C-alpha atoms as a PDB file:
ATOM      1  CA  UNK A   1     -28.190  11.289  11.044  1.00  0.00           C
ATOM      2  CA  UNK A   2     -25.681  10.902   8.209  1.00  0.00           C
ATOM      3  CA  UNK A   3     -22.007  10.373   8.942  1.00  0.00           C
ATOM      4  CA  UNK A   4     -19.742  13.378   9.264  1.00  0.00           C
ATOM      5  CA  UNK A   5     -16.624  14.657  10.967  1.00  0.00           C
ATOM      6  CA  UNK A   6     -15.661  17.926  12.569  1.00  0.00           C
ATOM      7  CA  UNK A   7     -12.311  19.699  12.823  1.00  0.00           C
ATOM      8  CA  UNK A   8     -11.629  21.996  15.744  1.00  0.00           C
ATOM      9  CA  UNK A   9      -9.005  23.949  17.640  1.00  0.00           C
ATOM     10  CA  UNK A  10      -8.986  24.383  21.394  1.00  0.00           C
ATOM     11  CA  UNK A  11      -7.124  26.200  24.116  1.00  0.00           C
ATOM     12  CA  UNK A  12      -6.090  29.109  21.882  1.00  0.00           C
ATOM     13  CA  UNK A  13      -4.913  26.873  19.052  1.00  0.00           C
ATOM     14  CA  UNK A  14      -2.602  24.714  21.156  1.00  0.00           C
ATOM     15  CA  UNK A  15      -4.817  21.630  20.760  1.00  0.00           C
ATOM     16  CA  UNK A  16      -6.075  20.296  17.404  1.00  0.00           C
ATOM     17  CA  UNK A  17      -9.037  17.924  17.375  1.00  0.00           C
ATOM     18  CA  UNK A  18     -11.011  15.729  15.001  1.00  0.00           C
ATOM     19  CA  UNK A  19     -14.104  13.665  15.759  1.00  0.00           C
ATOM     20  CA  UNK A  20     -16.112  11.419  13.447  1.00  0.00           C
ATOM     21  CA  UNK A  21     -19.387   9.544  13.343  1.00  0.00           C
ATOM     22  CA  UNK A  22     -18.848   6.763  10.801  1.00  0.00           C
ATOM     23  CA  UNK A  23     -21.658   4.257  11.473  1.00  0.00           C
ATOM     24  CA  UNK A  24     -23.072   4.172   7.947  1.00  0.00           C
ATOM     25  CA  UNK A  25     -19.596   4.128   6.384  1.00  0.00           C
ATOM     26  CA  UNK A  26     -18.563   1.088   8.432  1.00  0.00           C
ATOM     27  CA  UNK A  27     -21.862  -0.693   7.761  1.00  0.00           C
ATOM     28  CA  UNK A  28     -21.341  -0.161   4.024  1.00  0.00           C
ATOM     29  CA  UNK A  29     -17.822  -1.591   4.240  1.00  0.00           C
ATOM     30  CA  UNK A  30     -19.143  -4.607   6.160  1.00  0.00           C
ATOM     31  CA  UNK A  31     -21.880  -5.148   3.584  1.00  0.00           C
ATOM     32  CA  UNK A  32     -19.542  -4.925   0.619  1.00  0.00           C
ATOM     33  CA  UNK A  33     -16.916  -7.247   2.057  1.00  0.00           C
ATOM     34  CA  UNK A  34     -19.190  -9.596   4.032  1.00  0.00           C
ATOM     35  CA  UNK A  35     -16.981  -9.194   7.091  1.00  0.00           C
ATOM     36  CA  UNK A  36     -17.538 -11.154  10.275  1.00  0.00           C
ATOM     37  CA  UNK A  37     -18.028  -9.050  13.373  1.00  0.00           C
ATOM     38  CA  UNK A  38     -14.457  -8.847  14.715  1.00  0.00           C
ATOM     39  CA  UNK A  39     -13.128  -7.969  11.270  1.00  0.00           C
ATOM     40  CA  UNK A  40     -15.959  -5.460  10.872  1.00  0.00           C
ATOM     41  CA  UNK A  41     -14.698  -3.783  14.028  1.00  0.00           C
ATOM     42  CA  UNK A  42     -11.073  -3.823  12.843  1.00  0.00           C
ATOM     43  CA  UNK A  43     -11.896  -2.506   9.373  1.00  0.00           C
ATOM     44  CA  UNK A  44     -14.284   0.060  10.854  1.00  0.00           C
ATOM     45  CA  UNK A  45     -11.693   1.387  13.271  1.00  0.00           C
ATOM     46  CA  UNK A  46      -9.147   1.680  10.467  1.00  0.00           C
ATOM     47  CA  UNK A  47     -11.675   3.441   8.202  1.00  0.00           C
ATOM     48  CA  UNK A  48     -12.557   5.946  10.927  1.00  0.00           C
ATOM     49  CA  UNK A  49      -8.888   6.719  11.595  1.00  0.00           C
ATOM     50  CA  UNK A  50      -8.071   6.942   7.892  1.00  0.00           C
ATOM     51  CA  UNK A  51     -10.953   9.314   7.193  1.00  0.00           C
ATOM     52  CA  UNK A  52      -9.885  11.663   9.985  1.00  0.00           C
ATOM     53  CA  UNK A  53      -6.283  11.539   8.777  1.00  0.00           C
ATOM     54  CA  UNK A  54      -7.499  12.305   5.264  1.00  0.00           C
ATOM     55  CA  UNK A  55      -9.244  15.386   6.668  1.00  0.00           C
ATOM     56  CA  UNK A  56      -5.829  16.635   7.788  1.00  0.00           C
ATOM     57  CA  UNK A  57      -4.859  16.912   4.114  1.00  0.00           C
ATOM     58  CA  UNK A  58      -5.976  19.513   1.585  1.00  0.00           C
ATOM     59  CA  UNK A  59      -6.966  19.802  -2.065  1.00  0.00           C
ATOM     60  CA  UNK A  60      -6.199  16.693  -4.089  1.00  0.00           C
ATOM     61  CA  UNK A  61      -3.889  15.171  -1.482  1.00  0.00           C
ATOM     62  CA  UNK A  62      -4.581  11.599  -0.410  1.00  0.00           C
ATOM     63  CA  UNK A  63      -3.132   8.832   1.710  1.00  0.00           C
ATOM     64  CA  UNK A  64      -2.954   5.056   1.960  1.00  0.00           C
ATOM     65  CA  UNK A  65      -2.749   3.168   5.244  1.00  0.00           C
ATOM     66  CA  UNK A  66      -1.539  -0.417   5.454  1.00  0.00           C
ATOM     67  CA  UNK A  67      -1.938  -2.391   8.663  1.00  0.00           C
ATOM     68  CA  UNK A  68      -0.034  -5.631   8.328  1.00  0.00           C
ATOM     69  CA  UNK A  69      -0.150  -7.725  11.485  1.00  0.00           C
ATOM     70  CA  UNK A  70       0.517 -11.375  12.198  1.00  0.00           C
ATOM     71  CA  UNK A  71      -3.148 -12.150  12.848  1.00  0.00           C
ATOM     72  CA  UNK A  72      -5.452 -14.258  10.639  1.00  0.00           C
ATOM     73  CA  UNK A  73      -7.320 -11.262   9.174  1.00  0.00           C
ATOM     74  CA  UNK A  74      -4.282 -10.371   7.087  1.00  0.00           C
ATOM     75  CA  UNK A  75      -3.483  -6.873   5.828  1.00  0.00           C
ATOM     76  CA  UNK A  76      -6.014  -4.036   6.098  1.00  0.00           C
ATOM     77  CA  UNK A  77      -5.693  -1.365   3.406  1.00  0.00           C
ATOM     78  CA  UNK A  78      -7.358   2.059   3.616  1.00  0.00           C
ATOM     79  CA  UNK A  79      -7.390   4.867   1.040  1.00  0.00           C
ATOM     80  CA  UNK A  80      -8.643   8.317   2.045  1.00  0.00           C
ATOM     81  CA  UNK A  81      -8.665  11.824   0.635  1.00  0.00           C
ATOM     82  CA  UNK A  82      -9.186  15.357   1.930  1.00  0.00           C
ATOM     83  CA  UNK A  83     -12.890  15.385   1.005  1.00  0.00           C
ATOM     84  CA  UNK A  84     -14.243  12.870   3.517  1.00  0.00           C
ATOM     85  CA  UNK A  85     -14.112   9.922   1.125  1.00  0.00           C
ATOM     86  CA  UNK A  86     -12.487   6.657   2.165  1.00  0.00           C
ATOM     87  CA  UNK A  87     -12.431   3.057   1.044  1.00  0.00           C
ATOM     88  CA  UNK A  88     -10.847  -0.062   2.456  1.00  0.00           C
ATOM     89  CA  UNK A  89     -10.630  -3.817   2.500  1.00  0.00           C
ATOM     90  CA  UNK A  90      -9.173  -6.663   4.509  1.00  0.00           C
ATOM     91  CA  UNK A  91      -7.579  -9.778   3.043  1.00  0.00           C
ATOM     92  CA  UNK A  92      -9.523 -12.320   5.110  1.00  0.00           C
ATOM     93  CA  UNK A  93     -12.986 -11.006   6.051  1.00  0.00           C
ATOM     94  CA  UNK A  94     -14.192 -14.260   7.647  1.00  0.00           C
ATOM     95  CA  UNK A  95     -12.262 -14.180  10.926  1.00  0.00           C
ATOM     96  CA  UNK A  96     -13.892 -14.040  14.358  1.00  0.00           C
ATOM     97  CA  UNK A  97     -11.656 -15.005  17.305  1.00  0.00           C
ATOM     98  CA  UNK A  98     -13.048 -15.750  20.746  1.00  0.00           C
ATOM     99  CA  UNK A  99     -14.010 -12.661  22.689  1.00  0.00           C
ATOM    100  CA  UNK A 100     -11.954 -11.214  25.504  1.00  0.00           C
ATOM    101  CA  UNK A 101     -12.707 -12.152  29.108  1.00  0.00           C
ATOM    102  CA  UNK A 102     -14.757  -8.955  29.470  1.00  0.00           C
ATOM    103  CA  UNK A 103     -16.933  -9.964  26.508  1.00  0.00           C
ATOM    104  CA  UNK A 104     -15.528  -7.402  24.076  1.00  0.00           C
ATOM    105  CA  UNK A 105     -14.456  -8.237  20.529  1.00  0.00           C
ATOM    106  CA  UNK A 106     -10.814  -9.303  20.352  1.00  0.00           C
ATOM    107  CA  UNK A 107      -9.612  -7.092  17.516  1.00  0.00           C
ATOM    108  CA  UNK A 108      -5.930  -7.626  18.325  1.00  0.00           C
ATOM    109  CA  UNK A 109      -6.382 -11.394  17.945  1.00  0.00           C
ATOM    110  CA  UNK A 110      -7.707 -10.825  14.412  1.00  0.00           C
ATOM    111  CA  UNK A 111      -5.161  -8.160  13.409  1.00  0.00           C
ATOM    112  CA  UNK A 112      -2.179  -9.460  15.368  1.00  0.00           C
ATOM    113  CA  UNK A 113       0.050  -7.586  17.808  1.00  0.00           C
ATOM    114  CA  UNK A 114       3.228  -7.922  15.762  1.00  0.00           C
ATOM    115  CA  UNK A 115       3.756  -6.287  12.396  1.00  0.00           C
ATOM    116  CA  UNK A 116       3.629  -2.740  11.077  1.00  0.00           C
ATOM    117  CA  UNK A 117       1.353   0.216  10.445  1.00  0.00           C
ATOM    118  CA  UNK A 118       2.473   2.325   7.498  1.00  0.00           C
ATOM    119  CA  UNK A 119       1.102   5.519   5.977  1.00  0.00           C
ATOM    120  CA  UNK A 120       1.932   6.816   2.507  1.00  0.00           C
ATOM    121  CA  UNK A 121       0.830  10.386   1.750  1.00  0.00           C
ATOM    122  CA  UNK A 122       0.524  11.653  -1.808  1.00  0.00           C
ATOM    123  CA  UNK A 123       0.945  15.400  -1.370  1.00  0.00           C
ATOM    124  CA  UNK A 124       1.203  16.141  -5.077  1.00  0.00           C
ATOM    125  CA  UNK A 125       4.982  16.262  -5.047  1.00  0.00           C
ATOM    126  CA  UNK A 126       7.537  14.058  -6.778  1.00  0.00           C
ATOM    127  CA  UNK A 127       8.222  11.968  -3.681  1.00  0.00           C
ATOM    128  CA  UNK A 128       5.559  10.655  -1.328  1.00  0.00           C
ATOM    129  CA  UNK A 129       5.804  10.955   2.443  1.00  0.00           C
ATOM    130  CA  UNK A 130       6.065   7.516   4.037  1.00  0.00           C
ATOM    131  CA  UNK A 131       5.956   6.695   7.731  1.00  0.00           C
ATOM    132  CA  UNK A 132       5.978   3.265   9.320  1.00  0.00           C
ATOM    133  CA  UNK A 133       5.883   2.042  12.911  1.00  0.00           C
ATOM    134  CA  UNK A 134       5.634  -1.387  14.536  1.00  0.00           C
ATOM    135  CA  UNK A 135       2.255  -2.416  15.896  1.00  0.00           C
ATOM    136  CA  UNK A 136       2.065  -1.979  19.646  1.00  0.00           C
ATOM    137  CA  UNK A 137      -1.260  -3.681  20.415  1.00  0.00           C
ATOM    138  CA  UNK A 138      -3.277  -4.562  17.307  1.00  0.00           C
ATOM    139  CA  UNK A 139      -6.319  -2.843  18.821  1.00  0.00           C
ATOM    140  CA  UNK A 140      -5.538   0.010  16.371  1.00  0.00           C
ATOM    141  CA  UNK A 141      -6.297   3.116  18.458  1.00  0.00           C
ATOM    142  CA  UNK A 142      -3.065   2.600  20.414  1.00  0.00           C
ATOM    143  CA  UNK A 143      -1.242   1.835  17.169  1.00  0.00           C
ATOM    144  CA  UNK A 144      -2.354   5.089  15.524  1.00  0.00           C
ATOM    145  CA  UNK A 145      -1.464   6.983  18.704  1.00  0.00           C
ATOM    146  CA  UNK A 146       2.044   5.523  18.511  1.00  0.00           C
ATOM    147  CA  UNK A 147       2.253   6.335  14.789  1.00  0.00           C
ATOM    148  CA  UNK A 148       1.550  10.041  15.377  1.00  0.00           C
ATOM    149  CA  UNK A 149       4.036  10.267  18.239  1.00  0.00           C
ATOM    150  CA  UNK A 150       6.809   8.313  16.537  1.00  0.00           C
ATOM    151  CA  UNK A 151       6.467   9.035  12.822  1.00  0.00           C
ATOM    152  CA  UNK A 152       4.970  12.541  12.828  1.00  0.00           C
ATOM    153  CA  UNK A 153       6.339  13.709  16.186  1.00  0.00           C
ATOM    154  CA  UNK A 154       2.891  14.898  17.257  1.00  0.00           C
ATOM    155  CA  UNK A 155       1.728  13.807  20.729  1.00  0.00           C
ATOM    156  CA  UNK A 156      -1.795  12.534  20.145  1.00  0.00           C
ATOM    157  CA  UNK A 157      -4.627  10.588  21.688  1.00  0.00           C
ATOM    158  CA  UNK A 158      -6.656   8.390  19.330  1.00  0.00           C
ATOM    159  CA  UNK A 159      -9.923   6.645  20.196  1.00  0.00           C
ATOM    160  CA  UNK A 160     -11.753   4.330  17.798  1.00  0.00           C
ATOM    161  CA  UNK A 161     -14.786   2.138  18.316  1.00  0.00           C
ATOM    162  CA  UNK A 162     -17.464   0.043  16.640  1.00  0.00           C
ATOM    163  CA  UNK A 163     -20.566  -1.549  18.153  1.00  0.00           C
ATOM    164  CA  UNK A 164     -22.316  -4.396  16.305  1.00  0.00           C
ATOM    165  CA  UNK A 165     -25.670  -5.819  17.380  1.00  0.00           C
ATOM    166  CA  UNK A 166     -26.729  -9.468  17.484  1.00  0.00           C
ATOM    167  CA  UNK A 167     -28.023  -9.206  13.901  1.00  0.00           C
ATOM    168  CA  UNK A 168     -24.554  -8.194  12.654  1.00  0.00           C
ATOM    169  CA  UNK A 169     -25.674  -4.599  12.072  1.00  0.00           C
ATOM    170  CA  UNK A 170     -23.265  -1.768  12.884  1.00  0.00           C
ATOM    171  CA  UNK A 171     -25.164   0.392  15.349  1.00  0.00           C
ATOM    172  CA  UNK A 172     -22.350   2.777  16.251  1.00  0.00           C
ATOM    173  CA  UNK A 173     -18.917   3.659  14.873  1.00  0.00           C
ATOM    174  CA  UNK A 174     -16.610   6.601  15.229  1.00  0.00           C
ATOM    175  CA  UNK A 175     -13.520   8.044  16.791  1.00  0.00           C
ATOM    176  CA  UNK A 176     -11.515  11.094  17.688  1.00  0.00           C
ATOM    177  CA  UNK A 177      -7.943  12.348  17.401  1.00  0.00           C
ATOM    178  CA  UNK A 178      -6.660  14.937  19.877  1.00  0.00           C
ATOM    179  CA  UNK A 179      -3.245  16.449  19.109  1.00  0.00           C
ATOM    180  CA  UNK A 180      -1.009  18.665  21.209  1.00  0.00           C
ATOM    181  CA  UNK A 181       0.481  21.522  19.210  1.00  0.00           C
ATOM    182  CA  UNK A 182       3.574  23.660  19.870  1.00  0.00           C
ATOM    183  CA  UNK A 183       3.037  26.009  22.793  1.00  0.00           C
ATOM    184  CA  UNK A 184       0.585  23.791  24.679  1.00  0.00           C
ATOM    185  CA  UNK A 185       0.914  24.245  28.437  1.00  0.00           C
ATOM    186  CA  UNK A 186       1.278  21.525  31.076  1.00  0.00           C
ATOM    187  CA  UNK A 187      -1.965  22.783  32.580  1.00  0.00           C
ATOM    188  CA  UNK A 188      -3.820  22.150  29.314  1.00  0.00           C
ATOM    189  CA  UNK A 189      -2.253  18.708  28.904  1.00  0.00           C
ATOM    190  CA  UNK A 190      -3.288  17.750  32.436  1.00  0.00           C
ATOM    191  CA  UNK A 191      -6.855  18.960  31.900  1.00  0.00           C
ATOM    192  CA  UNK A 192      -7.217  17.042  28.621  1.00  0.00           C
ATOM    193  CA  UNK A 193      -5.758  13.880  30.185  1.00  0.00           C
ATOM    194  CA  UNK A 194      -8.200  14.143  33.089  1.00  0.00           C
ATOM    195  CA  UNK A 195     -11.145  14.472  30.706  1.00  0.00           C
ATOM    196  CA  UNK A 196      -9.874  11.565  28.578  1.00  0.00           C
ATOM    197  CA  UNK A 197      -9.634   9.284  31.600  1.00  0.00           C
ATOM    198  CA  UNK A 198     -13.224  10.004  32.572  1.00  0.00           C
ATOM    199  CA  UNK A 199     -14.726   9.533  29.113  1.00  0.00           C
ATOM    200  CA  UNK A 200     -16.831   6.456  28.199  1.00  0.00           C
ATOM    201  CA  UNK A 201     -15.860   4.551  25.006  1.00  0.00           C
ATOM    202  CA  UNK A 202     -16.373   6.627  21.853  1.00  0.00           C
ATOM    203  CA  UNK A 203     -18.674   4.006  20.328  1.00  0.00           C
ATOM    204  CA  UNK A 204     -20.938   4.194  23.400  1.00  0.00           C
ATOM    205  CA  UNK A 205     -21.082   7.982  23.211  1.00  0.00           C
ATOM    206  CA  UNK A 206     -22.194   7.809  19.581  1.00  0.00           C
ATOM    207  CA  UNK A 207     -24.689   5.045  20.382  1.00  0.00           C
ATOM    208  CA  UNK A 208     -26.101   7.339  23.087  1.00  0.00           C
ATOM    209  CA  UNK A 209     -26.737   9.987  20.428  1.00  0.00           C
ATOM    210  CA  UNK A 210     -23.812  12.334  20.955  1.00  0.00           C
ATOM    211  CA  UNK A 211     -22.642  14.187  17.868  1.00  0.00           C
ATOM    212  CA  UNK A 212     -18.964  14.701  16.984  1.00  0.00           C
ATOM    213  CA  UNK A 213     -19.317  18.251  18.341  1.00  0.00           C
ATOM    214  CA  UNK A 214     -20.724  16.875  21.606  1.00  0.00           C
ATOM    215  CA  UNK A 215     -17.814  14.466  21.901  1.00  0.00           C
ATOM    216  CA  UNK A 216     -15.262  17.249  21.498  1.00  0.00           C
ATOM    217  CA  UNK A 217     -17.135  19.408  24.002  1.00  0.00           C
ATOM    218  CA  UNK A 218     -16.909  16.599  26.556  1.00  0.00           C
ATOM    219  CA  UNK A 219     -13.240  16.111  25.767  1.00  0.00           C
ATOM    220  CA  UNK A 220     -12.077  19.695  25.699  1.00  0.00           C
ATOM    221  CA  UNK A 221     -14.826  21.779  27.252  1.00  0.00           C
ATOM    222  CA  UNK A 222     -17.375  23.655  25.165  1.00  0.00           C
ATOM    223  CA  UNK A 223     -15.919  26.972  26.306  1.00  0.00           C
ATOM    224  CA  UNK A 224     -12.469  25.994  24.997  1.00  0.00           C
ATOM    225  CA  UNK A 225     -13.184  24.769  21.475  1.00  0.00           C
ATOM    226  CA  UNK A 226     -13.670  26.472  18.135  1.00  0.00           C
ATOM    227  CA  UNK A 227     -15.198  24.335  15.378  1.00  0.00           C
ATOM    228  CA  UNK A 228     -13.365  24.991  12.109  1.00  0.00           C
ATOM    229  CA  UNK A 229     -15.164  22.720   9.674  1.00  0.00           C
ATOM    230  CA  UNK A 230     -17.885  20.098   9.360  1.00  0.00           C
ATOM    231  CA  UNK A 231     -17.594  17.576   6.536  1.00  0.00           C
ATOM    232  CA  UNK A 232     -19.786  14.716   5.353  1.00  0.00           C
ATOM    233  CA  UNK A 233     -17.984  11.369   5.100  1.00  0.00           C
ATOM    234  CA  UNK A 234     -18.744   8.176   3.200  1.00  0.00           C
ATOM    235  CA  UNK A 235     -17.343   4.886   1.973  1.00  0.00           C
ATOM    236  CA  UNK A 236     -16.561   5.915  -1.583  1.00  0.00           C
ATOM    237  CA  UNK A 237     -14.567   4.013  -4.193  1.00  0.00           C
ATOM    238  CA  UNK A 238     -13.119   5.763  -7.223  1.00  0.00           C
ATOM    239  CA  UNK A 239     -13.503   2.756  -9.505  1.00  0.00           C
ATOM    240  CA  UNK A 240     -16.110   2.610 -12.274  1.00  0.00           C
ATOM    241  CA  UNK A 241     -16.617   0.725 -15.514  1.00  0.00           C
ATOM    242  CA  UNK A 242     -15.705   3.887 -17.414  1.00  0.00           C
ATOM    243  CA  UNK A 243     -12.396   4.255 -15.549  1.00  0.00           C
ATOM    244  CA  UNK A 244     -11.501   0.625 -16.151  1.00  0.00           C
ATOM    245  CA  UNK A 245     -12.464   0.986 -19.793  1.00  0.00           C
ATOM    246  CA  UNK A 246     -10.064   3.923 -20.072  1.00  0.00           C
ATOM    247  CA  UNK A 247      -7.378   1.775 -18.456  1.00  0.00           C
ATOM    248  CA  UNK A 248      -7.966  -0.937 -21.059  1.00  0.00           C
ATOM    249  CA  UNK A 249      -7.613   1.655 -23.818  1.00  0.00           C
ATOM    250  CA  UNK A 250      -4.236   2.510 -22.343  1.00  0.00           C
ATOM    251  CA  UNK A 251      -2.761  -0.989 -22.653  1.00  0.00           C
ATOM    252  CA  UNK A 252      -1.050  -2.461 -25.697  1.00  0.00           C
ATOM    253  CA  UNK A 253      -3.286  -3.199 -28.693  1.00  0.00           C
ATOM    254  CA  UNK A 254      -2.073  -6.799 -28.863  1.00  0.00           C
ATOM    255  CA  UNK A 255      -3.327  -7.430 -25.314  1.00  0.00           C
ATOM    256  CA  UNK A 256      -6.780  -6.084 -26.139  1.00  0.00           C
ATOM    257  CA  UNK A 257      -6.886  -8.294 -29.235  1.00  0.00           C
ATOM    258  CA  UNK A 258      -5.987 -11.275 -27.075  1.00  0.00           C
ATOM    259  CA  UNK A 259      -8.930 -10.527 -24.768  1.00  0.00           C
ATOM    260  CA  UNK A 260     -11.231 -10.309 -27.791  1.00  0.00           C
ATOM    261  CA  UNK A 261     -10.026 -13.349 -29.735  1.00  0.00           C
ATOM    262  CA  UNK A 262      -9.094 -15.805 -26.989  1.00  0.00           C
ATOM    263  CA  UNK A 263     -11.093 -14.740 -23.926  1.00  0.00           C
ATOM    264  CA  UNK A 264     -14.036 -13.219 -25.832  1.00  0.00           C
ATOM    265  CA  UNK A 265     -14.374 -10.671 -23.062  1.00  0.00           C
ATOM    266  CA  UNK A 266     -12.717  -9.424 -19.902  1.00  0.00           C
ATOM    267  CA  UNK A 267     -13.476  -9.278 -16.200  1.00  0.00           C
ATOM    268  CA  UNK A 268     -11.813  -7.220 -13.482  1.00  0.00           C
ATOM    269  CA  UNK A 269     -12.389  -6.996  -9.748  1.00  0.00           C
ATOM    270  CA  UNK A 270     -11.862  -4.057  -7.370  1.00  0.00           C
ATOM    271  CA  UNK A 271     -10.537  -5.142  -3.967  1.00  0.00           C
ATOM    272  CA  UNK A 272     -11.606  -1.896  -2.300  1.00  0.00           C
ATOM    273  CA  UNK A 273     -15.322  -2.021  -3.042  1.00  0.00           C
ATOM    274  CA  UNK A 274     -15.665  -5.683  -4.052  1.00  0.00           C
ATOM    275  CA  UNK A 275     -17.304  -4.796  -7.376  1.00  0.00           C
ATOM    276  CA  UNK A 276     -16.704  -6.886 -10.484  1.00  0.00           C
ATOM    277  CA  UNK A 277     -16.788  -5.279 -13.933  1.00  0.00           C
ATOM    278  CA  UNK A 278     -17.386  -7.347 -17.061  1.00  0.00           C
ATOM    279  CA  UNK A 279     -16.633  -6.317 -20.642  1.00  0.00           C
ATOM    280  CA  UNK A 280     -18.179  -8.257 -23.522  1.00  0.00           C
ATOM    281  CA  UNK A 281     -16.377  -8.980 -26.760  1.00  0.00           C
ATOM    282  CA  UNK A 282     -18.381  -6.221 -28.466  1.00  0.00           C
ATOM    283  CA  UNK A 283     -17.475  -3.717 -25.724  1.00  0.00           C
ATOM    284  CA  UNK A 284     -13.780  -4.589 -26.063  1.00  0.00           C
ATOM    285  CA  UNK A 285     -13.978  -4.111 -29.827  1.00  0.00           C
ATOM    286  CA  UNK A 286     -15.439  -0.662 -29.167  1.00  0.00           C
ATOM    287  CA  UNK A 287     -12.585   0.164 -26.778  1.00  0.00           C
ATOM    288  CA  UNK A 288     -10.047  -1.012 -29.357  1.00  0.00           C
ATOM    289  CA  UNK A 289     -11.642   1.238 -31.962  1.00  0.00           C
ATOM    290  CA  UNK A 290     -11.531   4.146 -29.496  1.00  0.00           C
ATOM    291  CA  UNK A 291      -7.837   3.468 -28.868  1.00  0.00           C
ATOM    292  CA  UNK A 292      -7.075   3.583 -32.581  1.00  0.00           C
ATOM    293  CA  UNK A 293      -8.921   6.889 -32.934  1.00  0.00           C
ATOM    294  CA  UNK A 294      -6.882   8.391 -30.137  1.00  0.00           C
ATOM    295  CA  UNK A 295      -3.658   7.306 -31.778  1.00  0.00           C
END
């Protein structure tokens, strides 16, 4: 089944919920960046969270998440929009600390438990919304939970998970975000907390074949939820050779000439999708001609 997320309301609109299956998205990120398993888990968790947060936006709005801990993986950067598209990368993909005593991947050892999680939202206005909080664990779900409570003043519960098999294949990835809205009763909060405490890890639920709708039903009770939207999600980068060519047209003519005469071509690399784009001398001459026509 292809990746997707669902948005829902529960308990007469006093609880907002998002759930995502992101297995293919995380596998694509791992393939593109050649991540080792612990970094695959870290990047996958961040991608799942970022995609759900992007779904909270609308229209052409978008956001960028930066997780900058003191661990060896280095910064993790995620871009997401309101249409289920997200992309991301990590500075050092080849990090794989020893596992925890219980055998689970030690994501916090790769990310670090000191540093900051920041979110910049482009809402189409002159100034962007920026929120930043210190990391509280480096396991990421707890860090996003703290971000919502501290920066957006929205009590939330965030779960994120990735399972990777012995062949380095992502077999399960996903997450959920449950948010308490104004007017929520203590009774509702207690019921949701009770269900949360009894829930297996989100990655296990998805591995067992549960859909995002099934996950929310377990969390909130099928009789309490109203699904608002279902949206396909994917690792999607906005870069292309055409876009980069247009960017080259936009730079100073003398710089393009320098590329043609001294470098006899140009090469650029996209950190987000790990693609490299090459322009030959002839292609650059064509771009220079196009620039002159536009002027």
